[in-house]
C-alpha atoms as a PDB file:
ATOM      1  CA  PHE A   1      12.112  -1.833   6.307  1.00  0.00           C
ATOM      2  CA  LEU A   2       9.507  -1.122   3.697  1.00  0.00           C
ATOM      3  CA  LYS A   3       8.091   2.361   3.685  1.00  0.00           C
ATOM      4  CA  ARG A   4       4.429   2.840   3.043  1.00  0.00           C
ATOM      5  CA  ARG A   5       3.496   5.426   0.434  1.00  0.00           C
ATOM      6  CA  PRO A   6       1.499   8.411   1.681  1.00  0.00           C
ATOM      7  CA  ILE A   7      -2.222   8.135   1.144  1.00  0.00           C
ATOM      8  CA  LYS A   8      -3.433  10.570  -1.506  1.00  0.00           C
ATOM      9  CA  LEU A   9      -6.366  12.874  -0.836  1.00  0.00           C
ATOM     10  CA  PRO A  10      -9.718  11.948  -2.380  1.00  0.00           C
ATOM     11  CA  TYR A  11     -10.386  13.689  -5.703  1.00  0.00           C
ATOM     12  CA  GLU A  12     -12.639  16.495  -4.376  1.00  0.00           C
ATOM     13  CA  ASP A  13     -10.250  17.315  -1.520  1.00  0.00           C
ATOM     14  CA  ALA A  14      -7.256  17.308  -3.877  1.00  0.00           C
ATOM     15  CA  ARG A  15      -9.175  19.501  -6.319  1.00  0.00           C
ATOM     16  CA  ARG A  16      -9.970  22.007  -3.558  1.00  0.00           C
ATOM     17  CA  TRP A  17      -6.354  22.024  -2.324  1.00  0.00           C
ATOM     18  CA  VAL A  18      -4.858  22.524  -5.792  1.00  0.00           C
ATOM     19  CA  GLN A  19      -7.228  25.388  -6.602  1.00  0.00           C
ATOM     20  CA  ALA A  20      -6.670  27.083  -3.233  1.00  0.00           C
ATOM     21  CA  ASN A  21      -2.898  26.667  -3.049  1.00  0.00           C
ATOM     22  CA  LEU A  22      -1.543  26.473  -6.594  1.00  0.00           C
ATOM     23  CA  GLY A  23      -4.188  27.971  -8.881  1.00  0.00           C
ATOM     24  CA  PRO A  24      -3.152  26.601 -12.276  1.00  0.00           C
ATOM     25  CA  ASP A  25      -5.662  27.167 -15.082  1.00  0.00           C
ATOM     26  CA  THR A  26      -4.499  24.443 -17.467  1.00  0.00           C
ATOM     27  CA  LYS A  27      -2.965  20.968 -17.439  1.00  0.00           C
ATOM     28  CA  GLU A  28       0.232  22.488 -18.820  1.00  0.00           C
ATOM     29  CA  GLU A  29       0.454  24.996 -15.950  1.00  0.00           C
ATOM     30  CA  PHE A  30      -0.110  22.206 -13.420  1.00  0.00           C
ATOM     31  CA  MET A  31       2.592  20.052 -15.039  1.00  0.00           C
ATOM     32  CA  ASP A  32       4.997  23.041 -15.035  1.00  0.00           C
ATOM     33  CA  LEU A  33       4.396  23.478 -11.297  1.00  0.00           C
ATOM     34  CA  VAL A  34       5.162  19.784 -10.763  1.00  0.00           C
ATOM     35  CA  ALA A  35       8.273  19.937 -12.970  1.00  0.00           C
ATOM     36  CA  ASN A  36       9.550  23.017 -11.115  1.00  0.00           C
ATOM     37  CA  GLY A  37       9.099  21.349  -7.723  1.00  0.00           C
ATOM     38  CA  ASN A  38       6.199  23.536  -6.591  1.00  0.00           C
ATOM     39  CA  LEU A  39       3.955  20.589  -5.684  1.00  0.00           C
ATOM     40  CA  ARG A  40       5.585  19.781  -2.366  1.00  0.00           C
ATOM     41  CA  THR A  41       2.909  17.697  -0.726  1.00  0.00           C
ATOM     42  CA  PRO A  42       2.882  13.909  -0.901  1.00  0.00           C
ATOM     43  CA  TYR A  43      -0.913  13.911  -0.614  1.00  0.00           C
ATOM     44  CA  ILE A  44      -1.591  15.298  -4.107  1.00  0.00           C
ATOM     45  CA  PRO A  45      -0.584  13.015  -6.992  1.00  0.00           C
ATOM     46  CA  LYS A  46       1.875  14.466  -9.495  1.00  0.00           C
ATOM     47  CA  SER A  47      -0.186  12.805 -12.246  1.00  0.00           C
ATOM     48  CA  PRO A  48      -3.750  13.348 -11.018  1.00  0.00           C
ATOM     49  CA  GLU A  49      -5.402  12.216 -14.261  1.00  0.00           C
ATOM     50  CA  GLU A  50      -3.632   8.857 -14.086  1.00  0.00           C
ATOM     51  CA  TYR A  51      -4.137   8.390 -10.324  1.00  0.00           C
ATOM     52  CA  TYR A  52      -7.810   9.409 -10.153  1.00  0.00           C
ATOM     53  CA  THR A  53      -8.668   7.465 -13.319  1.00  0.00           C
ATOM     54  CA  ARG A  54      -7.495   4.341 -11.459  1.00  0.00           C
ATOM     55  CA  THR A  55      -9.755   5.257  -8.515  1.00  0.00           C
ATOM     56  CA  ASN A  56     -12.690   6.008 -10.879  1.00  0.00           C
ATOM     57  CA  GLU A  57     -12.917   9.595  -9.618  1.00  0.00           C
ATOM     58  CA  TRP A  58     -11.402  11.558 -12.525  1.00  0.00           C
ATOM     59  CA  VAL A  59     -13.707  13.992 -14.339  1.00  0.00           C
ATOM     60  CA  SER A  60     -11.485  16.268 -16.465  1.00  0.00           C
ATOM     61  CA  TRP A  61      -8.602  18.709 -16.203  1.00  0.00           C
ATOM     62  CA  HIS A  62     -11.037  21.614 -16.484  1.00  0.00           C
ATOM     63  CA  HIS A  63     -13.072  20.242 -13.567  1.00  0.00           C
ATOM     64  CA  PHE A  64      -9.959  19.508 -11.480  1.00  0.00           C
ATOM     65  CA  LEU A  65      -8.479  22.975 -11.917  1.00  0.00           C
ATOM     66  CA  THR A  66     -11.509  25.302 -11.963  1.00  0.00           C
ATOM     67  CA  GLY A  67     -14.888  25.958 -10.423  1.00  0.00           C
ATOM     68  CA  ILE A  68     -14.566  25.892  -6.652  1.00  0.00           C
ATOM     69  CA  PHE A  69     -13.368  29.462  -6.161  1.00  0.00           C
ATOM     70  CA  ASP A  70     -14.766  31.155  -9.278  1.00  0.00           C
ATOM     71  CA  ASN A  71     -15.288  34.871  -8.581  1.00  0.00           C
ATOM     72  CA  GLN A  72     -13.995  34.459  -5.017  1.00  0.00           C
ATOM     73  CA  THR A  73     -10.655  34.405  -3.288  1.00  0.00           C
ATOM     74  CA  PRO A  74      -9.829  31.029  -1.701  1.00  0.00           C
ATOM     75  CA  SER A  75      -9.223  32.610   1.704  1.00  0.00           C
ATOM     76  CA  GLY A  76     -12.788  33.952   1.696  1.00  0.00           C
ATOM     77  CA  VAL A  77     -14.390  30.539   1.198  1.00  0.00           C
ATOM     78  CA  ARG A  78     -15.231  28.342   4.165  1.00  0.00           C
ATOM     79  CA  PRO A  79     -14.281  24.659   3.850  1.00  0.00           C
ATOM     80  CA  ALA A  80     -17.042  22.330   2.693  1.00  0.00           C
ATOM     81  CA  SER A  81     -16.331  19.904   5.528  1.00  0.00           C
ATOM     82  CA  GLY A  82     -14.522  19.808   8.842  1.00  0.00           C
ATOM     83  CA  GLU A  83     -11.496  18.163   7.239  1.00  0.00           C
ATOM     84  CA  PHE A  84      -9.798  21.495   6.578  1.00  0.00           C
ATOM     85  CA  ASP A  85     -10.863  23.335   9.754  1.00  0.00           C
END
């Protein structure tokens, strides 16, 4: 039987998840986390730039990795939508 690939999160949801759960500051840090096996969810692409460029959602590595939780701890921020409640 053919297995269906997991559906990846939309860009903004993936961005929020990566910042809240992994916290890399640079593309290199993100790629190190992937290489070391620390990205253990099938819902976040291991190559987000490539994946989200194909979906026309990609902005930049800086945007993907920073901004949501600046000057706050992720646990102190309420989700933007009911998807994470």
